Amino acid sequence: MDLEQAIYGRRAVRTYTSAPVLKGAIEQLIGAAIQAPSAVDTQPWHFTVITDGALLAQIAAAAKSHMAELLSKRSDVEPRLRQHLETPDFQIFYHAPALVVISVLADDWAVENASLAAENFMLAAHAAGLGTCWIGFAQHWLGTPAGRAAIRLSQEFTPVAPIILGHPAEPVPAVPRRPARIDWLG
């Protein structure tokens, strides 16, 4: 698959088969992720790979509960987000067989460094026939003491990108894109 096919074909996958993703395949995706640029070439990444089903379910439930509590205090939340969190059988990891949490050394460019690696990871996964989805519902909880303990993350790292990974159960259609907003200043 060429780069353009990967960029234009990658989708957020929310339905997965139960087939596990092989360790070697995950290692290859992480290899692609660390090819990303990083601020001042710090290469600050740390990857936590969770494939244990019971641990995935525990993290999903705790993160969902935490996010529901956070959003209950806000009035500006999209109704469909609130509805997801209030639905008892909604599982925030969509029963994917793996979760890869990209964490980085805490500095001024933590989010940027993790995001660059995450995009490489997701494009490489798509090129390999796998599906991914960045799970924003899990981000806040993973940074709590309980979340850090669950993924055994040391204090020097900040969890930024929780990405589920698995074999897509079905094709995901393209989502129409709005035209780019461009201001030409020269």
C-alpha atoms as a PDB file:
ATOM      1  CA  MET A   1       0.000   0.000   0.000  1.00  0.00           C
ATOM      2  CA  ASP A   2       1.419   3.391  -0.877  1.00  0.00           C
ATOM      3  CA  LEU A   3       1.332   6.419   1.413  1.00  0.00           C
ATOM      4  CA  GLU A   4      -1.594   8.105  -0.319  1.00  0.00           C
ATOM      5  CA  GLN A   5      -3.712   4.931  -0.050  1.00  0.00           C
ATOM      6  CA  ALA A   6      -2.856   4.677   3.655  1.00  0.00           C
ATOM      7  CA  ILE A   7      -3.706   8.314   4.357  1.00  0.00           C
ATOM      8  CA  TYR A   8      -6.959   8.333   2.396  1.00  0.00           C
ATOM      9  CA  GLY A   9      -8.032   4.827   3.435  1.00  0.00           C
ATOM     10  CA  ARG A  10      -7.361   4.829   7.185  1.00  0.00           C
ATOM     11  CA  ARG A  11     -10.514   4.926   9.314  1.00  0.00           C
ATOM     12  CA  ALA A  12     -11.442   4.830  12.975  1.00  0.00           C
ATOM     13  CA  VAL A  13     -12.448   1.192  13.428  1.00  0.00           C
ATOM     14  CA  ARG A  14     -15.070   0.389  16.060  1.00  0.00           C
ATOM     15  CA  THR A  15     -15.896  -3.239  15.303  1.00  0.00           C
ATOM     16  CA  TYR A  16     -13.306  -5.983  15.635  1.00  0.00           C
ATOM     17  CA  THR A  17     -13.032  -9.713  15.319  1.00  0.00           C
ATOM     18  CA  SER A  18     -11.860 -11.633  18.375  1.00  0.00           C
ATOM     19  CA  ALA A  19      -8.637 -12.684  16.607  1.00  0.00           C
ATOM     20  CA  PRO A  20      -5.564 -11.588  18.528  1.00  0.00           C
ATOM     21  CA  VAL A  21      -2.937  -9.355  16.976  1.00  0.00           C
ATOM     22  CA  LEU A  22       0.421 -11.104  16.928  1.00  0.00           C
ATOM     23  CA  LYS A  23       3.209  -9.700  19.085  1.00  0.00           C
ATOM     24  CA  GLY A  24       5.495  -9.394  16.058  1.00  0.00           C
ATOM     25  CA  ALA A  25       2.897  -7.330  14.210  1.00  0.00           C
ATOM     26  CA  ILE A  26       2.541  -4.954  17.161  1.00  0.00           C
ATOM     27  CA  GLU A  27       6.320  -4.629  17.380  1.00  0.00           C
ATOM     28  CA  GLN A  28       6.425  -3.680  13.677  1.00  0.00           C
ATOM     29  CA  LEU A  29       3.790  -1.002  14.234  1.00  0.00           C
ATOM     30  CA  ILE A  30       5.753   0.399  17.162  1.00  0.00           C
ATOM     31  CA  GLY A  31       8.819   0.375  14.912  1.00  0.00           C
ATOM     32  CA  ALA A  32       6.906   2.579  12.470  1.00  0.00           C
ATOM     33  CA  ALA A  33       5.695   4.811  15.300  1.00  0.00           C
ATOM     34  CA  ILE A  34       9.207   5.601  16.496  1.00  0.00           C
ATOM     35  CA  GLN A  35      10.165   6.800  13.017  1.00  0.00           C
ATOM     36  CA  ALA A  36       8.111   9.917  13.758  1.00  0.00           C
ATOM     37  CA  PRO A  37       9.870  13.200  14.332  1.00  0.00           C
ATOM     38  CA  SER A  38      10.059  14.521  17.867  1.00  0.00           C
ATOM     39  CA  ALA A  39      10.826  17.938  19.282  1.00  0.00           C
ATOM     40  CA  VAL A  40      14.576  18.438  19.665  1.00  0.00           C
ATOM     41  CA  ASP A  41      14.952  14.785  18.587  1.00  0.00           C
ATOM     42  CA  THR A  42      14.207  13.601  22.130  1.00  0.00           C
ATOM     43  CA  GLN A  43      12.491  10.412  20.929  1.00  0.00           C
ATOM     44  CA  PRO A  44      10.542  10.422  24.215  1.00  0.00           C
ATOM     45  CA  TRP A  45       8.144   7.552  23.575  1.00  0.00           C
ATOM     46  CA  HIS A  46       7.048   4.720  25.810  1.00  0.00           C
ATOM     47  CA  PHE A  47       4.578   2.075  24.643  1.00  0.00           C
ATOM     48  CA  THR A  48       2.353   0.007  26.907  1.00  0.00           C
ATOM     49  CA  VAL A  49       0.713  -2.928  25.133  1.00  0.00           C
ATOM     50  CA  ILE A  50      -2.286  -4.564  26.822  1.00  0.00           C
ATOM     51  CA  THR A  51      -3.707  -7.765  25.370  1.00  0.00           C
ATOM     52  CA  ASP A  52      -5.072  -9.350  28.556  1.00  0.00           C
ATOM     53  CA  GLY A  53      -8.854  -9.364  28.120  1.00  0.00           C
ATOM     54  CA  ALA A  54      -9.642  -9.032  31.817  1.00  0.00           C
ATOM     55  CA  LEU A  55      -7.294  -6.063  32.200  1.00  0.00           C
ATOM     56  CA  LEU A  56      -8.724  -4.423  29.072  1.00  0.00           C
ATOM     57  CA  ALA A  57     -12.247  -4.783  30.493  1.00  0.00           C
ATOM     58  CA  GLN A  58     -11.148  -3.390  33.863  1.00  0.00           C
ATOM     59  CA  ILE A  59      -9.464  -0.366  32.274  1.00  0.00           C
ATOM     60  CA  ALA A  60     -12.433   0.224  29.953  1.00  0.00           C
ATOM     61  CA  ALA A  61     -14.922   0.206  32.832  1.00  0.00           C
ATOM     62  CA  ALA A  62     -12.822   2.487  35.042  1.00  0.00           C
ATOM     63  CA  ALA A  63     -12.096   4.936  32.224  1.00  0.00           C
ATOM     64  CA  LYS A  64     -15.747   5.035  31.167  1.00  0.00           C
ATOM     65  CA  SER A  65     -16.876   5.727  34.724  1.00  0.00           C
ATOM     66  CA  HIS A  66     -14.236   8.434  35.159  1.00  0.00           C
ATOM     67  CA  MET A  67     -15.197  10.163  31.906  1.00  0.00           C
ATOM     68  CA  ALA A  68     -18.907   9.982  32.736  1.00  0.00           C
ATOM     69  CA  GLU A  69     -18.180  11.689  36.049  1.00  0.00           C
ATOM     70  CA  LEU A  70     -16.069  14.401  34.397  1.00  0.00           C
ATOM     71  CA  LEU A  71     -18.679  15.109  31.739  1.00  0.00           C
ATOM     72  CA  SER A  72     -21.564  15.146  34.236  1.00  0.00           C
ATOM     73  CA  LYS A  73     -20.150  18.434  35.555  1.00  0.00           C
ATOM     74  CA  ARG A  74     -20.245  20.096  32.138  1.00  0.00           C
ATOM     75  CA  SER A  75     -23.178  21.466  30.149  1.00  0.00           C
ATOM     76  CA  ASP A  76     -21.377  21.767  26.791  1.00  0.00           C
ATOM     77  CA  VAL A  77     -21.112  18.041  26.059  1.00  0.00           C
ATOM     78  CA  GLU A  78     -22.438  16.624  22.799  1.00  0.00           C
ATOM     79  CA  PRO A  79     -25.548  14.572  23.592  1.00  0.00           C
ATOM     80  CA  ARG A  80     -24.259  11.511  21.694  1.00  0.00           C
ATOM     81  CA  LEU A  81     -21.121  11.413  23.872  1.00  0.00           C
ATOM     82  CA  ARG A  82     -23.186  11.542  27.026  1.00  0.00           C
ATOM     83  CA  GLN A  83     -25.512   8.876  25.598  1.00  0.00           C
ATOM     84  CA  HIS A  84     -22.586   6.517  24.934  1.00  0.00           C
ATOM     85  CA  LEU A  85     -21.344   6.867  28.485  1.00  0.00           C
ATOM     86  CA  GLU A  86     -24.811   6.350  29.954  1.00  0.00           C
ATOM     87  CA  THR A  87     -25.418   3.156  27.966  1.00  0.00           C
ATOM     88  CA  PRO A  88     -24.557   0.223  30.273  1.00  0.00           C
ATOM     89  CA  ASP A  89     -23.343  -2.121  27.543  1.00  0.00           C
ATOM     90  CA  PHE A  90     -21.196   0.479  25.736  1.00  0.00           C
ATOM     91  CA  GLN A  91     -17.595  -0.705  25.966  1.00  0.00           C
ATOM     92  CA  ILE A  92     -15.174   2.140  25.223  1.00  0.00           C
ATOM     93  CA  PHE A  93     -12.577  -0.182  23.655  1.00  0.00           C
ATOM     94  CA  TYR A  94     -15.172  -1.773  21.353  1.00  0.00           C
ATOM     95  CA  HIS A  95     -13.938  -5.220  22.427  1.00  0.00           C
ATOM     96  CA  ALA A  96     -10.680  -4.770  20.485  1.00  0.00           C
ATOM     97  CA  PRO A  97      -8.104  -7.427  21.382  1.00  0.00           C
ATOM     98  CA  ALA A  98      -5.315  -4.924  22.093  1.00  0.00           C
ATOM     99  CA  LEU A  99      -4.730  -1.471  23.514  1.00  0.00           C
ATOM    100  CA  VAL A 100      -1.493   0.384  22.890  1.00  0.00           C
ATOM    101  CA  VAL A 101      -0.944   3.420  25.087  1.00  0.00           C
ATOM    102  CA  ILE A 102       1.612   5.850  23.736  1.00  0.00           C
ATOM    103  CA  SER A 103       3.158   7.830  26.541  1.00  0.00           C
ATOM    104  CA  VAL A 104       5.954  10.360  26.413  1.00  0.00           C
ATOM    105  CA  LEU A 105       8.378  12.081  28.712  1.00  0.00           C
ATOM    106  CA  ALA A 106       6.537  15.048  30.182  1.00  0.00           C
ATOM    107  CA  ASP A 107       7.733  18.246  28.512  1.00  0.00           C
ATOM    108  CA  ASP A 108       6.369  21.195  26.536  1.00  0.00           C
ATOM    109  CA  TRP A 109       5.908  19.042  23.424  1.00  0.00           C
ATOM    110  CA  ALA A 110       4.446  15.881  24.964  1.00  0.00           C
ATOM    111  CA  VAL A 111       1.163  15.956  23.059  1.00  0.00           C
ATOM    112  CA  GLU A 112       2.837  16.758  19.760  1.00  0.00           C
ATOM    113  CA  ASN A 113       5.466  14.025  20.168  1.00  0.00           C
ATOM    114  CA  ALA A 114       2.883  11.388  21.077  1.00  0.00           C
ATOM    115  CA  SER A 115       0.528  12.475  18.293  1.00  0.00           C
ATOM    116  CA  LEU A 116       3.213  12.206  15.635  1.00  0.00           C
ATOM    117  CA  ALA A 117       4.057   8.669  16.754  1.00  0.00           C
ATOM    118  CA  ALA A 118       0.352   7.796  16.982  1.00  0.00           C
ATOM    119  CA  GLU A 119      -0.326   8.833  13.397  1.00  0.00           C
ATOM    120  CA  ASN A 120       2.580   6.708  12.146  1.00  0.00           C
ATOM    121  CA  PHE A 121       1.276   3.792  14.242  1.00  0.00           C
ATOM    122  CA  MET A 122      -2.270   4.106  12.884  1.00  0.00           C
ATOM    123  CA  LEU A 123      -1.184   4.484   9.243  1.00  0.00           C
ATOM    124  CA  ALA A 124       1.137   1.478   9.532  1.00  0.00           C
ATOM    125  CA  ALA A 125      -1.673  -0.558  11.118  1.00  0.00           C
ATOM    126  CA  HIS A 126      -4.013   0.305   8.259  1.00  0.00           C
ATOM    127  CA  ALA A 127      -1.341  -0.620   5.712  1.00  0.00           C
ATOM    128  CA  ALA A 128      -0.986  -3.989   7.494  1.00  0.00           C
ATOM    129  CA  GLY A 129      -4.741  -4.643   7.266  1.00  0.00           C
ATOM    130  CA  LEU A 130      -5.407  -3.841  10.933  1.00  0.00           C
ATOM    131  CA  GLY A 131      -7.790  -1.324  12.443  1.00  0.00           C
ATOM    132  CA  THR A 132      -7.209   1.313  15.098  1.00  0.00           C
ATOM    133  CA  CYS A 133      -9.085   3.991  16.983  1.00  0.00           C
ATOM    134  CA  TRP A 134      -7.688   6.612  19.371  1.00  0.00           C
ATOM    135  CA  ILE A 135      -9.930   6.348  22.446  1.00  0.00           C
ATOM    136  CA  GLY A 136     -10.267   9.811  23.907  1.00  0.00           C
ATOM    137  CA  PHE A 137     -12.614   8.505  26.616  1.00  0.00           C
ATOM    138  CA  ALA A 138      -9.633   6.709  28.194  1.00  0.00           C
ATOM    139  CA  GLN A 139      -7.092   9.545  28.153  1.00  0.00           C
ATOM    140  CA  HIS A 140      -7.971  11.329  31.383  1.00  0.00           C
ATOM    141  CA  TRP A 141      -8.288   8.209  33.514  1.00  0.00           C
ATOM    142  CA  LEU A 142      -4.959   6.803  32.336  1.00  0.00           C
ATOM    143  CA  GLY A 143      -3.263   9.880  33.807  1.00  0.00           C
ATOM    144  CA  THR A 144      -4.754   9.308  37.255  1.00  0.00           C
ATOM    145  CA  PRO A 145      -2.847   7.368  39.920  1.00  0.00           C
ATOM    146  CA  ALA A 146      -5.203   4.394  39.409  1.00  0.00           C
ATOM    147  CA  GLY A 147      -4.781   4.536  35.634  1.00  0.00           C
ATOM    148  CA  ARG A 148      -1.006   4.765  35.851  1.00  0.00           C
ATOM    149  CA  ALA A 149      -0.953   1.832  38.262  1.00  0.00           C
ATOM    150  CA  ALA A 150      -3.166  -0.256  35.969  1.00  0.00           C
ATOM    151  CA  ILE A 151      -0.734   0.143  33.073  1.00  0.00           C
ATOM    152  CA  ARG A 152       2.384   0.213  35.291  1.00  0.00           C
ATOM    153  CA  LEU A 153       3.456   3.614  33.977  1.00  0.00           C
ATOM    154  CA  SER A 154       6.208   5.437  35.825  1.00  0.00           C
ATOM    155  CA  GLN A 155       5.792   9.072  36.831  1.00  0.00           C
ATOM    156  CA  GLU A 156       8.321  10.293  34.272  1.00  0.00           C
ATOM    157  CA  PHE A 157       5.900   9.512  31.428  1.00  0.00           C
ATOM    158  CA  THR A 158       2.585  11.110  30.485  1.00  0.00           C
ATOM    159  CA  PRO A 159      -0.018   8.875  28.808  1.00  0.00           C
ATOM    160  CA  VAL A 160      -1.340  10.670  25.734  1.00  0.00           C
ATOM    161  CA  ALA A 161      -2.611   8.299  23.046  1.00  0.00           C
ATOM    162  CA  PRO A 162      -4.659   5.208  23.978  1.00  0.00           C
ATOM    163  CA  ILE A 163      -5.135   3.392  20.667  1.00  0.00           C
ATOM    164  CA  ILE A 164      -7.140   0.195  20.291  1.00  0.00           C
ATOM    165  CA  LEU A 165      -5.903  -2.287  17.727  1.00  0.00           C
ATOM    166  CA  GLY A 166      -7.351  -5.343  16.062  1.00  0.00           C
ATOM    167  CA  HIS A 167      -8.652  -6.999  12.933  1.00  0.00           C
ATOM    168  CA  PRO A 168     -11.621  -5.025  11.546  1.00  0.00           C
ATOM    169  CA  ALA A 169     -14.855  -7.024  11.572  1.00  0.00           C
ATOM    170  CA  GLU A 170     -16.184  -5.087   8.596  1.00  0.00           C
ATOM    171  CA  PRO A 171     -15.095  -2.356   6.196  1.00  0.00           C
ATOM    172  CA  VAL A 172     -15.538   1.186   7.468  1.00  0.00           C
ATOM    173  CA  PRO A 173     -16.937   3.647   4.918  1.00  0.00           C
ATOM    174  CA  ALA A 174     -15.259   6.962   4.250  1.00  0.00           C
ATOM    175  CA  VAL A 175     -16.497   9.944   6.206  1.00  0.00           C
ATOM    176  CA  PRO A 176     -16.974  12.967   3.937  1.00  0.00           C
ATOM    177  CA  ARG A 177     -14.438  15.688   4.629  1.00  0.00           C
ATOM    178  CA  ARG A 178     -15.240  19.364   4.713  1.00  0.00           C
ATOM    179  CA  PRO A 179     -13.122  21.532   2.441  1.00  0.00           C
ATOM    180  CA  ALA A 180      -9.909  22.765   4.041  1.00  0.00           C
ATOM    181  CA  ARG A 181     -10.005  26.276   5.482  1.00  0.00           C
ATOM    182  CA  ILE A 182      -7.043  28.043   3.923  1.00  0.00           C
ATOM    183  CA  ASP A 183      -5.874  31.623   4.286  1.00  0.00           C
ATOM    184  CA  TRP A 184      -3.181  32.503   1.732  1.00  0.00           C
ATOM    185  CA  LEU A 185      -1.088  35.362   3.032  1.00  0.00           C
ATOM    186  CA  GLY A 186       1.377  35.976   0.284  1.00  0.00           C
END
